[in-house]
C-alpha atoms as a PDB file:
ATOM      1  CA  MET A   1     -30.308 -27.270 -26.011  1.00  0.00           C
ATOM      2  CA  LYS A   2     -30.045 -25.958 -29.448  1.00  0.00           C
ATOM      3  CA  SER A   3     -29.547 -29.183 -30.848  1.00  0.00           C
ATOM      4  CA  LEU A   4     -32.375 -30.752 -29.035  1.00  0.00           C
ATOM      5  CA  PHE A   5     -34.763 -28.073 -30.247  1.00  0.00           C
ATOM      6  CA  ARG A   6     -33.365 -28.519 -33.829  1.00  0.00           C
ATOM      7  CA  ALA A   7     -33.771 -32.471 -33.629  1.00  0.00           C
ATOM      8  CA  THR A   8     -37.383 -31.904 -32.298  1.00  0.00           C
ATOM      9  CA  LEU A   9     -38.260 -29.554 -34.911  1.00  0.00           C
ATOM     10  CA  VAL A  10     -36.942 -31.482 -37.715  1.00  0.00           C
ATOM     11  CA  ALA A  11     -38.656 -34.578 -36.351  1.00  0.00           C
ATOM     12  CA  LEU A  12     -41.852 -32.523 -36.280  1.00  0.00           C
ATOM     13  CA  VAL A  13     -41.496 -31.301 -39.777  1.00  0.00           C
ATOM     14  CA  LEU A  14     -40.715 -34.669 -40.983  1.00  0.00           C
ATOM     15  CA  SER A  15     -43.573 -36.282 -39.212  1.00  0.00           C
ATOM     16  CA  ALA A  16     -45.909 -33.638 -40.374  1.00  0.00           C
ATOM     17  CA  THR A  17     -44.497 -34.098 -44.006  1.00  0.00           C
ATOM     18  CA  TRP A  18     -44.846 -37.717 -43.990  1.00  0.00           C
ATOM     19  CA  HIS A  19     -48.369 -37.647 -42.625  1.00  0.00           C
ATOM     20  CA  ALA A  20     -49.327 -35.089 -45.239  1.00  0.00           C
ATOM     21  CA  SER A  21     -47.679 -37.048 -48.119  1.00  0.00           C
ATOM     22  CA  VAL A  22     -49.585 -40.140 -46.904  1.00  0.00           C
ATOM     23  CA  ALA A  23     -52.815 -38.354 -46.533  1.00  0.00           C
ATOM     24  CA  HIS A  24     -52.532 -36.284 -49.632  1.00  0.00           C
ATOM     25  CA  ALA A  25     -50.366 -38.606 -51.791  1.00  0.00           C
ATOM     26  CA  GLY A  26     -52.409 -38.353 -54.790  1.00  0.00           C
ATOM     27  CA  LEU A  27     -52.691 -34.627 -54.608  1.00  0.00           C
ATOM     28  CA  PHE A  28     -49.062 -33.455 -54.517  1.00  0.00           C
ATOM     29  CA  ASP A  29     -46.416 -34.375 -57.099  1.00  0.00           C
ATOM     30  CA  ASP A  30     -42.668 -34.501 -56.322  1.00  0.00           C
ATOM     31  CA  ASP A  31     -42.026 -30.869 -57.223  1.00  0.00           C
ATOM     32  CA  GLU A  32     -44.379 -29.474 -54.660  1.00  0.00           C
ATOM     33  CA  ALA A  33     -43.183 -31.767 -52.024  1.00  0.00           C
ATOM     34  CA  ARG A  34     -39.596 -30.526 -52.678  1.00  0.00           C
ATOM     35  CA  ARG A  35     -40.546 -26.874 -52.537  1.00  0.00           C
ATOM     36  CA  ALA A  36     -42.420 -27.599 -49.178  1.00  0.00           C
ATOM     37  CA  ILE A  37     -39.247 -29.255 -47.759  1.00  0.00           C
ATOM     38  CA  LEU A  38     -37.117 -26.289 -48.905  1.00  0.00           C
ATOM     39  CA  ASP A  39     -39.644 -24.013 -47.359  1.00  0.00           C
ATOM     40  CA  ILE A  40     -39.559 -25.894 -44.124  1.00  0.00           C
ATOM     41  CA  ARG A  41     -35.630 -25.997 -44.037  1.00  0.00           C
ATOM     42  CA  ASN A  42     -35.497 -22.227 -44.682  1.00  0.00           C
ATOM     43  CA  LYS A  43     -37.817 -21.663 -41.723  1.00  0.00           C
ATOM     44  CA  ILE A  44     -35.652 -24.196 -39.589  1.00  0.00           C
ATOM     45  CA  ASP A  45     -32.588 -22.047 -40.664  1.00  0.00           C
ATOM     46  CA  ALA A  46     -34.349 -18.946 -39.768  1.00  0.00           C
ATOM     47  CA  ILE A  47     -35.278 -20.167 -36.332  1.00  0.00           C
ATOM     48  CA  GLN A  48     -31.726 -21.361 -35.897  1.00  0.00           C
ATOM     49  CA  ARG A  49     -30.261 -17.888 -36.650  1.00  0.00           C
ATOM     50  CA  ASP A  50     -32.614 -16.263 -34.213  1.00  0.00           C
ATOM     51  CA  LEU A  51     -31.451 -18.688 -31.589  1.00  0.00           C
ATOM     52  CA  ASP A  52     -27.738 -18.051 -32.298  1.00  0.00           C
ATOM     53  CA  ASN A  53     -28.518 -14.176 -32.177  1.00  0.00           C
ATOM     54  CA  LYS A  54     -30.161 -14.709 -28.769  1.00  0.00           C
ATOM     55  CA  ALA A  55     -27.296 -16.673 -27.661  1.00  0.00           C
ATOM     56  CA  ASP A  56     -24.813 -14.150 -28.753  1.00  0.00           C
ATOM     57  CA  LYS A  57     -26.798 -11.460 -27.011  1.00  0.00           C
ATOM     58  CA  THR A  58     -26.954 -13.501 -23.917  1.00  0.00           C
ATOM     59  CA  SER A  59     -23.044 -14.092 -23.890  1.00  0.00           C
ATOM     60  CA  ALA A  60     -22.420 -10.410 -24.711  1.00  0.00           C
ATOM     61  CA  LEU A  61     -24.739  -9.621 -21.790  1.00  0.00           C
ATOM     62  CA  GLY A  62     -22.882 -11.842 -19.292  1.00  0.00           C
ATOM     63  CA  LEU A  63     -19.610 -10.481 -20.561  1.00  0.00           C
ATOM     64  CA  SER A  64     -20.865  -6.879 -19.859  1.00  0.00           C
ATOM     65  CA  ASP A  65     -21.951  -8.010 -16.271  1.00  0.00           C
ATOM     66  CA  GLN A  66     -18.552  -9.532 -15.682  1.00  0.00           C
ATOM     67  CA  ASN A  67     -16.809  -6.435 -17.015  1.00  0.00           C
ATOM     68  CA  ASP A  68     -18.977  -4.429 -14.440  1.00  0.00           C
ATOM     69  CA  GLN A  69     -17.947  -6.519 -11.601  1.00  0.00           C
ATOM     70  CA  VAL A  70     -14.389  -6.385 -12.399  1.00  0.00           C
ATOM     71  CA  LYS A  71     -14.560  -2.489 -12.650  1.00  0.00           C
ATOM     72  CA  GLN A  72     -16.154  -2.438  -9.073  1.00  0.00           C
ATOM     73  CA  GLU A  73     -13.500  -4.758  -7.821  1.00  0.00           C
ATOM     74  CA  ILE A  74     -10.834  -2.457  -9.331  1.00  0.00           C
ATOM     75  CA  ALA A  75     -12.200   0.482  -7.741  1.00  0.00           C
ATOM     76  CA  ARG A  76     -12.533  -1.214  -4.223  1.00  0.00           C
ATOM     77  CA  LEU A  77      -8.882  -2.222  -4.511  1.00  0.00           C
ATOM     78  CA  ARG A  78      -7.924   1.168  -5.553  1.00  0.00           C
ATOM     79  CA  GLY A  79      -9.641   2.555  -2.400  1.00  0.00           C
ATOM     80  CA  GLN A  80      -7.773  -0.108  -0.350  1.00  0.00           C
ATOM     81  CA  VAL A  81      -4.541   1.030  -1.812  1.00  0.00           C
ATOM     82  CA  GLU A  82      -5.260   4.642  -1.005  1.00  0.00           C
ATOM     83  CA  VAL A  83      -6.199   3.919   2.602  1.00  0.00           C
ATOM     84  CA  LEU A  84      -3.088   1.854   3.105  1.00  0.00           C
ATOM     85  CA  THR A  85      -0.756   4.279   1.427  1.00  0.00           C
ATOM     86  CA  ASN A  86      -2.105   7.064   3.862  1.00  0.00           C
ATOM     87  CA  GLU A  87      -1.754   4.701   6.854  1.00  0.00           C
ATOM     88  CA  LEU A  88       1.828   3.951   5.691  1.00  0.00           C
ATOM     89  CA  ALA A  89       2.859   7.630   5.410  1.00  0.00           C
ATOM     90  CA  ASN A  90       1.139   8.386   8.937  1.00  0.00           C
ATOM     91  CA  THR A  91       3.089   5.567  10.338  1.00  0.00           C
ATOM     92  CA  GLN A  92       6.429   6.645   8.663  1.00  0.00           C
ATOM     93  CA  GLN A  93       5.928  10.204  10.042  1.00  0.00           C
ATOM     94  CA  ARG A  94       4.974   8.905  13.553  1.00  0.00           C
ATOM     95  CA  GLN A  95       8.282   6.840  13.583  1.00  0.00           C
ATOM     96  CA  LYS A  96      10.292   9.681  12.399  1.00  0.00           C
ATOM     97  CA  ASP A  97       8.718  11.944  15.330  1.00  0.00           C
ATOM     98  CA  PHE A  98       9.420   9.177  17.854  1.00  0.00           C
ATOM     99  CA  TYR A  99      13.052   9.080  16.544  1.00  0.00           C
ATOM    100  CA  VAL A 100      13.524  12.644  16.853  1.00  0.00           C
ATOM    101  CA  ASP A 101      12.159  12.651  20.219  1.00  0.00           C
ATOM    102  CA  LEU A 102      14.469   9.763  21.316  1.00  0.00           C
ATOM    103  CA  ASP A 103      17.558  11.322  19.839  1.00  0.00           C
ATOM    104  CA  ALA A 104      16.800  14.546  21.791  1.00  0.00           C
ATOM    105  CA  ARG A 105      16.420  12.720  24.936  1.00  0.00           C
ATOM    106  CA  LEU A 106      19.715  10.647  24.386  1.00  0.00           C
ATOM    107  CA  ARG A 107      21.727  13.708  23.657  1.00  0.00           C
ATOM    108  CA  LYS A 108      20.990  14.831  27.153  1.00  0.00           C
ATOM    109  CA  LEU A 109      22.486  11.900  28.547  1.00  0.00           C
ATOM    110  CA  GLU A 110      25.647  11.817  26.260  1.00  0.00           C
ATOM    111  CA  PRO A 111      28.800  13.199  27.314  1.00  0.00           C
ATOM    112  CA  GLN A 112      29.394  16.945  26.236  1.00  0.00           C
ATOM    113  CA  GLN A 113      32.445  18.480  25.212  1.00  0.00           C
ATOM    114  CA  VAL A 114      33.496  21.322  27.494  1.00  0.00           C
ATOM    115  CA  THR A 115      36.507  23.608  27.379  1.00  0.00           C
ATOM    116  CA  VAL A 116      38.451  23.795  30.792  1.00  0.00           C
ATOM    117  CA  ASP A 117      41.469  25.997  30.904  1.00  0.00           C
ATOM    118  CA  GLY A 118      41.657  26.028  27.042  1.00  0.00           C
ATOM    119  CA  LYS A 119      41.377  22.222  26.585  1.00  0.00           C
ATOM    120  CA  GLU A 120      38.404  20.279  25.272  1.00  0.00           C
ATOM    121  CA  VAL A 121      37.354  17.619  27.736  1.00  0.00           C
ATOM    122  CA  SER A 122      34.432  14.961  27.373  1.00  0.00           C
ATOM    123  CA  VAL A 123      32.100  15.502  30.486  1.00  0.00           C
ATOM    124  CA  ASP A 124      28.954  13.524  31.402  1.00  0.00           C
ATOM    125  CA  PRO A 125      25.807  15.577  32.020  1.00  0.00           C
ATOM    126  CA  GLY A 126      25.919  15.161  35.946  1.00  0.00           C
ATOM    127  CA  GLU A 127      29.686  16.142  36.005  1.00  0.00           C
ATOM    128  CA  GLN A 128      29.061  19.126  33.706  1.00  0.00           C
ATOM    129  CA  LYS A 129      26.467  20.536  36.543  1.00  0.00           C
ATOM    130  CA  ASN A 130      29.162  19.848  39.237  1.00  0.00           C
ATOM    131  CA  LEU A 131      31.793  21.823  36.985  1.00  0.00           C
ATOM    132  CA  ARG A 132      29.409  24.835  36.715  1.00  0.00           C
ATOM    133  CA  CYS A 133      28.740  24.776  40.356  1.00  0.00           C
ATOM    134  CA  ARG A 134      32.288  24.588  41.267  1.00  0.00           C
ATOM    135  CA  ALA A 135      33.822  26.840  38.476  1.00  0.00           C
ATOM    136  CA  GLY A 136      30.991  29.703  39.200  1.00  0.00           C
ATOM    137  CA  PRO A 137      32.809  31.218  42.442  1.00  0.00           C
ATOM    138  CA  ILE A 138      36.215  30.996  40.628  1.00  0.00           C
ATOM    139  CA  GLN A 139      35.118  32.760  37.551  1.00  0.00           C
ATOM    140  CA  GLY A 140      35.648  36.606  37.769  1.00  0.00           C
ATOM    141  CA  ARG A 141      38.139  36.339  40.369  1.00  0.00           C
ATOM    142  CA  ARG A 142      41.834  36.722  39.791  1.00  0.00           C
ATOM    143  CA  LEU A 143      44.049  33.795  40.244  1.00  0.00           C
ATOM    144  CA  SER A 144      47.033  34.040  42.545  1.00  0.00           C
ATOM    145  CA  ARG A 145      50.740  33.817  41.414  1.00  0.00           C
ATOM    146  CA  ARG A 146      51.007  30.422  42.858  1.00  0.00           C
ATOM    147  CA  GLN A 147      47.706  29.183  40.794  1.00  0.00           C
ATOM    148  CA  HIS A 148      49.438  30.579  37.594  1.00  0.00           C
ATOM    149  CA  ARG A 149      52.545  28.655  38.213  1.00  0.00           C
ATOM    150  CA  VAL A 150      50.498  25.442  38.732  1.00  0.00           C
ATOM    151  CA  ARG A 151      48.799  25.997  35.503  1.00  0.00           C
ATOM    152  CA  ARG A 152      51.935  26.479  33.638  1.00  0.00           C
ATOM    153  CA  PHE A 153      53.559  23.580  35.364  1.00  0.00           C
ATOM    154  CA  HIS A 154      50.874  20.920  34.391  1.00  0.00           C
ATOM    155  CA  PRO A 155      47.567  21.453  32.391  1.00  0.00           C
ATOM    156  CA  ALA A 156      46.072  18.396  34.111  1.00  0.00           C
ATOM    157  CA  LEU A 157      46.992  19.519  37.570  1.00  0.00           C
ATOM    158  CA  SER A 158      45.528  22.931  36.839  1.00  0.00           C
ATOM    159  CA  ALA A 159      42.087  21.400  36.112  1.00  0.00           C
ATOM    160  CA  ILE A 160      42.330  19.600  39.554  1.00  0.00           C
ATOM    161  CA  GLY A 161      43.277  22.779  41.207  1.00  0.00           C
ATOM    162  CA  ILE A 162      40.406  24.648  39.725  1.00  0.00           C
ATOM    163  CA  PHE A 163      38.032  21.908  41.233  1.00  0.00           C
ATOM    164  CA  THR A 164      39.836  22.040  44.558  1.00  0.00           C
ATOM    165  CA  ILE A 165      39.882  25.661  44.878  1.00  0.00           C
ATOM    166  CA  GLY A 166      36.334  26.009  43.846  1.00  0.00           C
ATOM    167  CA  ALA A 167      35.265  23.616  46.405  1.00  0.00           C
ATOM    168  CA  ILE A 168      37.278  25.445  49.049  1.00  0.00           C
ATOM    169  CA  LEU A 169      35.807  28.797  48.219  1.00  0.00           C
ATOM    170  CA  ALA A 170      32.327  27.448  47.804  1.00  0.00           C
ATOM    171  CA  GLY A 171      32.517  25.602  51.107  1.00  0.00           C
END
């Protein structure tokens, strides 16, 4: 667009100069024509500089607009990152809570270590309830000499004996 404007302006100046020189051929000499041409060239150069300055301002304005758009996009993306970070933290906390709850429930179903006659035994939760029910009547009672002998004879038999005695006494 600049070159078209410049070419049109040059053509107009040349046309005007030619028509003026033909019409006033006798009135002007070569020095005056040269000065007029130099004057017109200076005007064309000034117009060209003005156009270049306007083009520079337009491109600077365009870059400023693009910069503003990039800043807005960055702000929007930072907001999204903040929201997603918050959602991730909440989800992780929820998962941790679920894990703790599930672990607590599973511990109730796992076998427990119980001491029976001085020995550590692994007992399922259902069996542990039965053990408490059967051992309850025996606790606090004195064992007979026979029961003491059985305990000394074999520890496994003493555990079976306690269950049997507890069942007899409870029943």
